[in-house]
Structures are given as C-alpha cells and as structure tokens.
Amino acid sequence: MRKRHIDTESPTAAVNLTPLLDMVFILLIFFIVTSSFEKAEGLAINRPDAATATSQTPGSISITVDDLGRIWMDDQVIDPRSVRTRVERLHGEAPERSVIVRADRESRTGILVEVVDQVRLAGVHRVSVAASPAPRQETQRPVPRNE
C-alpha cells in the first residue's frame, strides 16, 4: 500500500481581532462606569498661602473651618467636641487615611489648633493643614537709604 502525501499547508490562518477589541471596549466602559471619583467639598473658603504647600493624596478625611469658626465634616456643621469621635470612626474604617484640615484665612487660629488637637487625640498622626501655593515673588533688593 502506498502512502499518499497530502498537502497540509493551508493558506495563512488569520486571527479575527474584532471580538477581542469588543471585549476591551466593554471592559473599559465597565471600569469607567463603576469607578468612584473624589468629590471636592462644596464649601468655598479662602485658604492662606504657603510657599511650602504640597498636594496630598485623595481619599483623606477632610475637615473645614470657615471664616465664622464653624467646623464642617461631610457637608454638615459639627460641634468641636464631636470632631474626635467622627475622626475615630472614619479612621477605624480606613487606618491608612490621613486628615486634611482646610481653614479659611479669616478663621481664628484657636479653632484650628483645637481641631488639630482633637484629630491627634483620635489617634491620627498624619494631619495636614491645607494652604494654597504662594505666588512666586521675585527676590527684592534692599533700597539704599539716603541719610
């Protein structure tokens, strides 16, 4: 019996990429829709300027002190004595979070110090006070005085 030689080479096989691209776009849309974004608080304050101001990571616990001395957390005015318990609860849910205290330029320093103290008593040691970057100032040369 003689073996027959069959030509096993077929034309170049092509891979259809359309289903792969469909799946990539579906996954992209899914992740965009299900992602959560950090929402900035709606309270407008005039933060003080600081030359050493740096940006902090999102996901921090935010406390705001307005120009009237009111303390805001989660879009609610709270009593200064409840800052500690709220921060303890939020910090217990996510211990890696830091606290950012945003104080209005016109707020009293005593209230800011009290808020920072309550946050530290709650066990959070990564506390930052928010400030706006200071405008760059040119180095000023002393003006000679005529005597």
N, C-alpha and C. Protein backbone atom coordinates (compact mmCIF):
# COMPACT_ATOMS: atom_id res chain seq x y z
N MET A 1 0.82 -1.16 0.00
CA MET A 1 0.00 0.00 0.00
C MET A 1 0.88 1.24 0.00
N ARG A 2 0.53 2.06 -0.82
CA ARG A 2 1.31 3.26 -0.96
C ARG A 2 0.70 4.40 -0.17
N LYS A 3 1.53 5.15 0.56
CA LYS A 3 1.04 6.31 1.31
C LYS A 3 0.93 7.51 0.38
N ARG A 4 -0.14 8.18 0.55
CA ARG A 4 -0.33 9.36 -0.26
C ARG A 4 0.10 10.59 0.53
N HIS A 5 0.75 11.44 -0.13
CA HIS A 5 1.20 12.67 0.50
C HIS A 5 0.13 13.73 0.33
N ILE A 6 -0.40 14.19 1.46
CA ILE A 6 -1.45 15.21 1.43
C ILE A 6 -0.81 16.54 1.77
N ASP A 7 -1.12 17.52 1.03
CA ASP A 7 -0.57 18.85 1.26
C ASP A 7 -1.25 19.44 2.49
N THR A 8 -0.49 19.52 3.60
CA THR A 8 -1.06 20.01 4.86
C THR A 8 -0.95 21.53 4.99
N GLU A 9 -0.25 22.12 4.11
CA GLU A 9 -0.13 23.57 4.19
C GLU A 9 -1.40 24.21 3.67
N SER A 10 -1.98 25.02 4.47
CA SER A 10 -3.18 25.72 4.05
C SER A 10 -2.84 27.20 3.93
N PRO A 11 -3.72 27.95 3.37
CA PRO A 11 -3.44 29.38 3.28
C PRO A 11 -3.23 29.95 4.69
N THR A 12 -2.58 31.07 4.77
CA THR A 12 -2.25 31.69 6.05
C THR A 12 -3.51 31.87 6.89
N ALA A 13 -3.39 31.39 8.12
CA ALA A 13 -4.54 31.49 9.04
C ALA A 13 -4.58 32.90 9.61
N ALA A 14 -5.72 33.50 9.61
CA ALA A 14 -5.88 34.85 10.12
C ALA A 14 -6.64 34.80 11.44
N VAL A 15 -6.19 35.63 12.37
CA VAL A 15 -6.86 35.72 13.66
C VAL A 15 -7.78 36.93 13.60
N ASN A 16 -9.02 36.71 13.90
CA ASN A 16 -10.00 37.78 13.88
C ASN A 16 -9.91 38.54 15.20
N LEU A 17 -9.53 39.82 15.15
CA LEU A 17 -9.35 40.64 16.35
C LEU A 17 -10.62 41.39 16.77
N THR A 18 -11.64 41.34 16.00
CA THR A 18 -12.87 42.08 16.31
C THR A 18 -13.47 41.68 17.66
N PRO A 19 -13.62 40.39 17.97
CA PRO A 19 -14.18 40.05 19.30
C PRO A 19 -13.28 40.51 20.44
N LEU A 20 -11.96 40.47 20.23
CA LEU A 20 -11.04 40.92 21.27
C LEU A 20 -11.22 42.42 21.52
N LEU A 21 -11.29 43.20 20.46
CA LEU A 21 -11.49 44.64 20.63
C LEU A 21 -12.84 44.96 21.25
N ASP A 22 -13.87 44.20 20.90
CA ASP A 22 -15.18 44.39 21.52
C ASP A 22 -15.10 44.18 23.03
N MET A 23 -14.42 43.14 23.45
CA MET A 23 -14.29 42.85 24.88
C MET A 23 -13.48 43.94 25.59
N VAL A 24 -12.43 44.44 24.95
CA VAL A 24 -11.62 45.50 25.56
C VAL A 24 -12.47 46.75 25.77
N PHE A 25 -13.25 47.12 24.78
CA PHE A 25 -14.10 48.30 24.93
C PHE A 25 -15.20 48.09 25.97
N ILE A 26 -15.75 46.92 26.04
CA ILE A 26 -16.77 46.63 27.06
C ILE A 26 -16.16 46.74 28.46
N LEU A 27 -14.96 46.19 28.64
CA LEU A 27 -14.30 46.29 29.94
C LEU A 27 -13.95 47.74 30.26
N LEU A 28 -13.51 48.49 29.29
CA LEU A 28 -13.20 49.90 29.51
C LEU A 28 -14.43 50.66 29.97
N ILE A 29 -15.54 50.46 29.31
CA ILE A 29 -16.78 51.13 29.70
C ILE A 29 -17.20 50.69 31.10
N PHE A 30 -17.06 49.40 31.41
CA PHE A 30 -17.43 48.90 32.73
C PHE A 30 -16.61 49.59 33.82
N PHE A 31 -15.29 49.69 33.62
CA PHE A 31 -14.45 50.29 34.65
C PHE A 31 -14.69 51.79 34.78
N ILE A 32 -15.00 52.45 33.70
CA ILE A 32 -15.29 53.88 33.78
C ILE A 32 -16.58 54.11 34.56
N VAL A 33 -17.59 53.30 34.29
CA VAL A 33 -18.88 53.48 34.95
C VAL A 33 -18.81 53.13 36.43
N THR A 34 -18.05 52.11 36.79
CA THR A 34 -18.03 51.67 38.19
C THR A 34 -16.97 52.35 39.04
N SER A 35 -16.12 53.17 38.45
CA SER A 35 -15.08 53.82 39.26
C SER A 35 -15.70 54.94 40.08
N SER A 36 -15.06 55.23 41.20
CA SER A 36 -15.53 56.32 42.04
C SER A 36 -14.49 57.43 42.01
N PHE A 37 -14.96 58.65 42.01
CA PHE A 37 -14.08 59.79 41.93
C PHE A 37 -14.18 60.58 43.22
N GLU A 38 -13.08 61.20 43.61
CA GLU A 38 -13.04 62.03 44.81
C GLU A 38 -13.77 63.33 44.53
N LYS A 39 -14.78 63.60 45.32
CA LYS A 39 -15.57 64.81 45.14
C LYS A 39 -15.03 65.90 46.04
N ALA A 40 -14.76 67.04 45.45
CA ALA A 40 -14.30 68.18 46.25
C ALA A 40 -15.47 68.73 47.04
N GLU A 41 -15.18 69.21 48.22
CA GLU A 41 -16.25 69.74 49.05
C GLU A 41 -16.75 71.06 48.48
N GLY A 42 -18.02 71.34 48.72
CA GLY A 42 -18.65 72.49 48.12
C GLY A 42 -18.51 73.78 48.91
N LEU A 43 -17.85 73.77 50.03
CA LEU A 43 -17.73 74.96 50.86
C LEU A 43 -16.57 75.82 50.35
N ALA A 44 -16.85 77.04 49.96
CA ALA A 44 -15.80 77.93 49.43
C ALA A 44 -15.11 78.63 50.59
N ILE A 45 -13.81 78.47 50.66
CA ILE A 45 -13.02 79.14 51.70
C ILE A 45 -11.81 79.79 51.05
N ASN A 46 -11.28 80.79 51.71
CA ASN A 46 -10.05 81.44 51.26
C ASN A 46 -8.90 80.87 52.07
N ARG A 47 -8.18 79.91 51.46
CA ARG A 47 -7.08 79.30 52.19
C ARG A 47 -5.88 80.24 52.23
N PRO A 48 -5.11 80.18 53.28
CA PRO A 48 -3.90 81.01 53.33
C PRO A 48 -2.86 80.48 52.34
N ASP A 49 -1.95 81.36 51.93
CA ASP A 49 -0.89 80.96 51.01
C ASP A 49 0.31 80.46 51.80
N ALA A 50 1.03 79.50 51.24
CA ALA A 50 2.24 78.98 51.85
C ALA A 50 3.22 78.60 50.76
N ALA A 51 4.47 79.00 50.92
CA ALA A 51 5.49 78.70 49.92
C ALA A 51 5.81 77.21 49.88
N THR A 52 5.57 76.49 50.96
CA THR A 52 5.90 75.07 51.02
C THR A 52 4.69 74.18 50.83
N ALA A 53 3.61 74.71 50.28
CA ALA A 53 2.39 73.92 50.08
C ALA A 53 2.62 72.81 49.08
N THR A 54 2.17 71.58 49.41
CA THR A 54 2.25 70.45 48.50
C THR A 54 0.88 69.80 48.42
N SER A 55 0.64 69.07 47.34
CA SER A 55 -0.66 68.42 47.22
C SER A 55 -0.66 67.10 47.96
N GLN A 56 -1.82 66.72 48.51
CA GLN A 56 -1.97 65.49 49.26
C GLN A 56 -2.74 64.48 48.43
N THR A 57 -2.63 63.23 48.84
CA THR A 57 -3.33 62.17 48.12
C THR A 57 -4.83 62.25 48.37
N PRO A 58 -5.61 61.91 47.35
CA PRO A 58 -7.04 61.89 47.57
C PRO A 58 -7.42 60.75 48.51
N GLY A 59 -8.62 60.82 49.04
CA GLY A 59 -9.07 59.78 49.96
C GLY A 59 -8.79 60.12 51.41
N SER A 60 -8.39 61.35 51.65
CA SER A 60 -8.12 61.78 53.01
C SER A 60 -9.41 62.22 53.67
N ILE A 61 -9.39 62.24 55.00
CA ILE A 61 -10.51 62.76 55.77
C ILE A 61 -10.38 64.28 55.74
N SER A 62 -11.43 64.96 55.33
CA SER A 62 -11.37 66.41 55.17
C SER A 62 -12.22 67.10 56.23
N ILE A 63 -11.62 68.07 56.91
CA ILE A 63 -12.31 68.89 57.90
C ILE A 63 -12.11 70.34 57.48
N THR A 64 -13.18 71.12 57.48
CA THR A 64 -13.11 72.51 57.04
C THR A 64 -13.53 73.43 58.16
N VAL A 65 -12.76 74.51 58.36
CA VAL A 65 -13.11 75.56 59.33
C VAL A 65 -13.36 76.82 58.51
N ASP A 66 -14.59 77.33 58.56
CA ASP A 66 -14.91 78.51 57.75
C ASP A 66 -14.57 79.80 58.49
N ASP A 67 -14.82 80.93 57.82
CA ASP A 67 -14.46 82.23 58.39
C ASP A 67 -15.27 82.61 59.62
N LEU A 68 -16.42 81.94 59.82
CA LEU A 68 -17.23 82.20 61.01
C LEU A 68 -16.88 81.28 62.18
N GLY A 69 -15.91 80.39 61.98
CA GLY A 69 -15.48 79.49 63.04
C GLY A 69 -16.26 78.19 63.10
N ARG A 70 -17.13 77.95 62.12
CA ARG A 70 -17.88 76.69 62.09
C ARG A 70 -17.00 75.58 61.54
N ILE A 71 -17.21 74.38 62.05
CA ILE A 71 -16.43 73.21 61.62
C ILE A 71 -17.34 72.34 60.77
N TRP A 72 -16.86 71.98 59.58
CA TRP A 72 -17.63 71.20 58.61
C TRP A 72 -16.97 69.86 58.37
N MET A 73 -17.79 68.79 58.41
CA MET A 73 -17.36 67.45 58.00
C MET A 73 -18.52 66.81 57.26
N ASP A 74 -18.26 66.22 56.13
CA ASP A 74 -19.29 65.55 55.33
C ASP A 74 -20.47 66.48 55.05
N ASP A 75 -20.17 67.72 54.67
CA ASP A 75 -21.19 68.72 54.33
C ASP A 75 -22.15 69.02 55.46
N GLN A 76 -21.70 68.86 56.71
CA GLN A 76 -22.52 69.16 57.88
C GLN A 76 -21.70 69.98 58.86
N VAL A 77 -22.35 70.95 59.49
CA VAL A 77 -21.70 71.70 60.56
C VAL A 77 -21.71 70.82 61.80
N ILE A 78 -20.55 70.67 62.43
CA ILE A 78 -20.47 69.82 63.63
C ILE A 78 -19.91 70.61 64.80
N ASP A 79 -20.14 70.10 65.96
CA ASP A 79 -19.63 70.68 67.19
C ASP A 79 -18.15 70.31 67.33
N PRO A 80 -17.32 71.21 67.84
CA PRO A 80 -15.90 70.89 68.01
C PRO A 80 -15.65 69.65 68.87
N ARG A 81 -16.56 69.37 69.82
CA ARG A 81 -16.37 68.20 70.68
C ARG A 81 -16.62 66.89 69.96
N SER A 82 -17.33 66.94 68.83
CA SER A 82 -17.61 65.69 68.11
C SER A 82 -16.58 65.37 67.02
N VAL A 83 -15.60 66.25 66.85
CA VAL A 83 -14.56 66.00 65.84
C VAL A 83 -13.82 64.70 66.16
N ARG A 84 -13.45 64.53 67.40
CA ARG A 84 -12.67 63.35 67.79
C ARG A 84 -13.41 62.05 67.49
N THR A 85 -14.69 61.96 67.88
CA THR A 85 -15.43 60.71 67.67
C THR A 85 -15.65 60.43 66.19
N ARG A 86 -15.92 61.47 65.39
CA ARG A 86 -16.11 61.27 63.95
C ARG A 86 -14.81 60.81 63.29
N VAL A 87 -13.70 61.43 63.67
CA VAL A 87 -12.41 61.05 63.09
C VAL A 87 -12.04 59.63 63.52
N GLU A 88 -12.30 59.29 64.78
CA GLU A 88 -12.01 57.91 65.23
C GLU A 88 -12.79 56.90 64.41
N ARG A 89 -14.06 57.19 64.14
CA ARG A 89 -14.89 56.27 63.35
C ARG A 89 -14.37 56.15 61.92
N LEU A 90 -14.10 57.29 61.27
CA LEU A 90 -13.63 57.27 59.89
C LEU A 90 -12.23 56.65 59.78
N HIS A 91 -11.39 56.92 60.76
CA HIS A 91 -10.04 56.37 60.75
C HIS A 91 -10.07 54.87 61.03
N GLY A 92 -11.03 54.42 61.83
CA GLY A 92 -11.16 52.99 62.10
C GLY A 92 -11.58 52.22 60.86
N GLU A 93 -12.36 52.85 59.98
CA GLU A 93 -12.78 52.20 58.74
C GLU A 93 -11.63 52.07 57.76
N ALA A 94 -10.72 53.04 57.73
CA ALA A 94 -9.57 53.02 56.83
C ALA A 94 -8.38 53.67 57.53
N PRO A 95 -7.59 52.88 58.26
CA PRO A 95 -6.49 53.45 59.07
C PRO A 95 -5.38 54.13 58.26
N GLU A 96 -5.30 53.85 56.96
CA GLU A 96 -4.23 54.45 56.17
C GLU A 96 -4.55 55.89 55.76
N ARG A 97 -5.77 56.33 56.02
CA ARG A 97 -6.16 57.69 55.62
C ARG A 97 -5.54 58.73 56.52
N SER A 98 -5.20 59.85 55.92
CA SER A 98 -4.70 60.98 56.69
C SER A 98 -5.84 62.00 56.83
N VAL A 99 -5.59 63.06 57.57
CA VAL A 99 -6.61 64.10 57.78
C VAL A 99 -6.06 65.41 57.23
N ILE A 100 -6.89 66.09 56.45
CA ILE A 100 -6.54 67.41 55.94
C ILE A 100 -7.51 68.41 56.54
N VAL A 101 -6.98 69.42 57.22
CA VAL A 101 -7.80 70.47 57.81
C VAL A 101 -7.68 71.69 56.91
N ARG A 102 -8.80 72.10 56.35
CA ARG A 102 -8.84 73.28 55.50
C ARG A 102 -9.42 74.42 56.31
N ALA A 103 -8.63 75.42 56.57
CA ALA A 103 -9.09 76.55 57.38
C ALA A 103 -9.10 77.82 56.53
N ASP A 104 -10.15 78.59 56.69
CA ASP A 104 -10.26 79.86 55.99
C ASP A 104 -9.20 80.81 56.55
N ARG A 105 -8.73 81.70 55.69
CA ARG A 105 -7.72 82.67 56.09
C ARG A 105 -8.21 83.55 57.24
N GLU A 106 -9.51 83.80 57.30
CA GLU A 106 -10.10 84.67 58.31
C GLU A 106 -10.54 83.92 59.58
N SER A 107 -10.37 82.61 59.62
CA SER A 107 -10.79 81.85 60.81
C SER A 107 -9.80 82.07 61.95
N ARG A 108 -10.28 81.84 63.16
CA ARG A 108 -9.43 82.03 64.33
C ARG A 108 -8.45 80.87 64.47
N THR A 109 -7.25 81.16 64.83
CA THR A 109 -6.22 80.14 64.98
C THR A 109 -6.56 79.18 66.10
N GLY A 110 -7.22 79.67 67.13
CA GLY A 110 -7.58 78.82 68.26
C GLY A 110 -8.47 77.66 67.85
N ILE A 111 -9.41 77.91 66.96
CA ILE A 111 -10.30 76.83 66.49
C ILE A 111 -9.51 75.82 65.68
N LEU A 112 -8.60 76.31 64.83
CA LEU A 112 -7.77 75.41 64.03
C LEU A 112 -6.91 74.51 64.93
N VAL A 113 -6.32 75.10 65.95
CA VAL A 113 -5.49 74.32 66.89
C VAL A 113 -6.34 73.30 67.63
N GLU A 114 -7.55 73.69 68.02
CA GLU A 114 -8.44 72.76 68.72
C GLU A 114 -8.82 71.58 67.83
N VAL A 115 -9.10 71.85 66.55
CA VAL A 115 -9.46 70.77 65.62
C VAL A 115 -8.28 69.83 65.42
N VAL A 116 -7.09 70.36 65.20
CA VAL A 116 -5.90 69.52 65.02
C VAL A 116 -5.63 68.70 66.27
N ASP A 117 -5.83 69.30 67.44
CA ASP A 117 -5.64 68.58 68.70
C ASP A 117 -6.64 67.43 68.83
N GLN A 118 -7.90 67.66 68.50
CA GLN A 118 -8.90 66.60 68.56
C GLN A 118 -8.58 65.46 67.59
N VAL A 119 -8.07 65.81 66.41
CA VAL A 119 -7.69 64.78 65.43
C VAL A 119 -6.55 63.93 65.96
N ARG A 120 -5.58 64.56 66.58
CA ARG A 120 -4.44 63.80 67.14
C ARG A 120 -4.88 62.95 68.32
N LEU A 121 -5.81 63.45 69.13
CA LEU A 121 -6.33 62.65 70.23
C LEU A 121 -7.12 61.44 69.72
N ALA A 122 -7.63 61.54 68.49
CA ALA A 122 -8.36 60.42 67.89
C ALA A 122 -7.41 59.34 67.39
N GLY A 123 -6.11 59.59 67.46
CA GLY A 123 -5.13 58.58 67.06
C GLY A 123 -4.55 58.77 65.67
N VAL A 124 -4.89 59.86 65.03
CA VAL A 124 -4.35 60.13 63.69
C VAL A 124 -3.17 61.08 63.85
N HIS A 125 -2.03 60.65 63.35
CA HIS A 125 -0.83 61.49 63.47
C HIS A 125 -0.41 62.10 62.14
N ARG A 126 -1.07 61.69 61.07
CA ARG A 126 -0.80 62.30 59.76
C ARG A 126 -1.86 63.37 59.51
N VAL A 127 -1.60 64.56 60.04
CA VAL A 127 -2.53 65.68 59.94
C VAL A 127 -1.86 66.78 59.13
N SER A 128 -2.57 67.31 58.14
CA SER A 128 -2.05 68.40 57.32
C SER A 128 -3.02 69.56 57.37
N VAL A 129 -2.49 70.77 57.29
CA VAL A 129 -3.31 71.96 57.19
C VAL A 129 -3.19 72.44 55.75
N ALA A 130 -4.33 72.54 55.06
CA ALA A 130 -4.33 72.91 53.65
C ALA A 130 -3.98 74.38 53.48
N ALA A 131 -3.21 74.64 52.44
CA ALA A 131 -2.85 76.01 52.07
C ALA A 131 -2.73 76.07 50.57
N SER A 132 -2.91 77.25 50.03
CA SER A 132 -2.73 77.45 48.60
C SER A 132 -1.27 77.78 48.35
N PRO A 133 -0.73 77.34 47.22
CA PRO A 133 0.66 77.70 46.92
C PRO A 133 0.79 79.22 46.82
N ALA A 134 1.85 79.74 47.43
CA ALA A 134 2.08 81.18 47.42
C ALA A 134 2.54 81.61 46.04
N PRO A 135 2.12 82.79 45.60
CA PRO A 135 2.60 83.28 44.31
C PRO A 135 4.10 83.53 44.39
N ARG A 136 4.77 83.22 43.28
CA ARG A 136 6.23 83.41 43.27
C ARG A 136 6.56 84.89 43.39
N GLN A 137 7.48 85.16 44.30
CA GLN A 137 7.90 86.54 44.49
C GLN A 137 9.33 86.66 44.00
N GLU A 138 9.59 87.74 43.29
CA GLU A 138 10.95 87.97 42.85
C GLU A 138 11.76 88.42 44.06
N THR A 139 13.03 88.06 44.06
CA THR A 139 13.87 88.47 45.16
C THR A 139 14.01 89.99 45.12
N GLN A 140 13.71 90.59 46.23
CA GLN A 140 13.75 92.04 46.29
C GLN A 140 15.09 92.48 46.84
N ARG A 141 15.65 93.46 46.19
CA ARG A 141 16.92 94.01 46.66
C ARG A 141 16.61 95.17 47.59
N PRO A 142 17.40 95.28 48.65
CA PRO A 142 17.15 96.40 49.57
C PRO A 142 17.36 97.73 48.86
N VAL A 143 16.48 98.66 49.15
CA VAL A 143 16.58 100.00 48.56
C VAL A 143 17.56 100.80 49.41
N PRO A 144 18.57 101.37 48.78
CA PRO A 144 19.54 102.17 49.57
C PRO A 144 18.85 103.39 50.16
N ARG A 145 19.21 103.67 51.37
CA ARG A 145 18.61 104.81 52.07
C ARG A 145 19.56 105.99 52.03
N ASN A 146 19.01 107.13 51.76
CA ASN A 146 19.82 108.37 51.77
C ASN A 146 19.76 108.96 53.16
N GLU A 147 20.91 109.11 53.73
CA GLU A 147 20.93 109.67 55.09
C GLU A 147 21.56 110.99 55.12
